[in-house]
Amino acid sequence: MEKLRSKRIQDMEHVFDIFTDAEFEAYCRLHEKIAESLAVRKKQ
């Protein structure tokens, strides 16, 4: 399980390496907005 987790982290680091800091911050804001929207929808 730990090897799988480690591989997954490495894969995600590789994916996010293409972003500048500003792009990564924008991605995080958008991801948070989507997650909040889904959470509100589940409560309805």
Protein backbone atom coordinates (compact mmCIF):
# COMPACT_ATOMS: atom_id res chain seq x y z
CA MET A 1 0.00 0.00 0.00
CA GLU A 2 2.83 2.39 0.84
CA LYS A 3 4.49 1.80 -2.56
CA LEU A 4 1.23 2.60 -4.31
CA ARG A 5 0.82 5.77 -2.25
CA SER A 6 4.38 6.84 -2.99
CA LYS A 7 3.93 6.22 -6.72
CA ARG A 8 0.69 8.21 -6.73
CA ILE A 9 2.41 11.15 -5.03
CA GLN A 10 5.26 11.06 -7.55
CA ASP A 11 2.77 10.99 -10.43
CA MET A 12 0.87 13.98 -9.05
CA GLU A 13 4.10 15.93 -8.48
CA HIS A 14 5.02 15.30 -12.12
CA VAL A 15 1.62 16.55 -13.29
CA PHE A 16 1.79 19.75 -11.23
CA ASP A 17 5.39 20.50 -12.23
CA ILE A 18 4.08 21.97 -15.48
CA PHE A 19 2.33 24.81 -13.62
CA THR A 20 3.89 28.10 -12.65
CA ASP A 21 3.24 29.15 -9.05
CA ALA A 22 0.46 31.48 -10.21
CA GLU A 23 -1.16 28.74 -12.28
CA PHE A 24 -1.00 26.31 -9.37
CA GLU A 25 -2.61 28.88 -7.05
CA ALA A 26 -5.38 29.45 -9.61
CA TYR A 27 -5.87 25.68 -9.93
CA CYS A 28 -6.17 25.35 -6.15
CA ARG A 29 -8.75 28.14 -5.97
CA LEU A 30 -10.81 26.56 -8.74
CA HIS A 31 -10.56 23.10 -7.20
CA GLU A 32 -11.73 24.48 -3.85
CA LYS A 33 -14.66 26.27 -5.51
CA ILE A 34 -15.73 23.06 -7.26
CA ALA A 35 -15.40 21.02 -4.05
CA GLU A 36 -17.50 23.57 -2.12
CA SER A 37 -20.16 23.53 -4.83
CA LEU A 38 -20.34 19.73 -4.70
CA ALA A 39 -20.56 19.76 -0.90
CA VAL A 40 -23.48 22.19 -1.00
CA ARG A 41 -25.21 20.09 -3.62
CA LYS A 42 -24.89 16.93 -1.51
CA LYS A 43 -26.58 18.68 1.43
CA GLN A 44 -29.65 19.57 -0.67
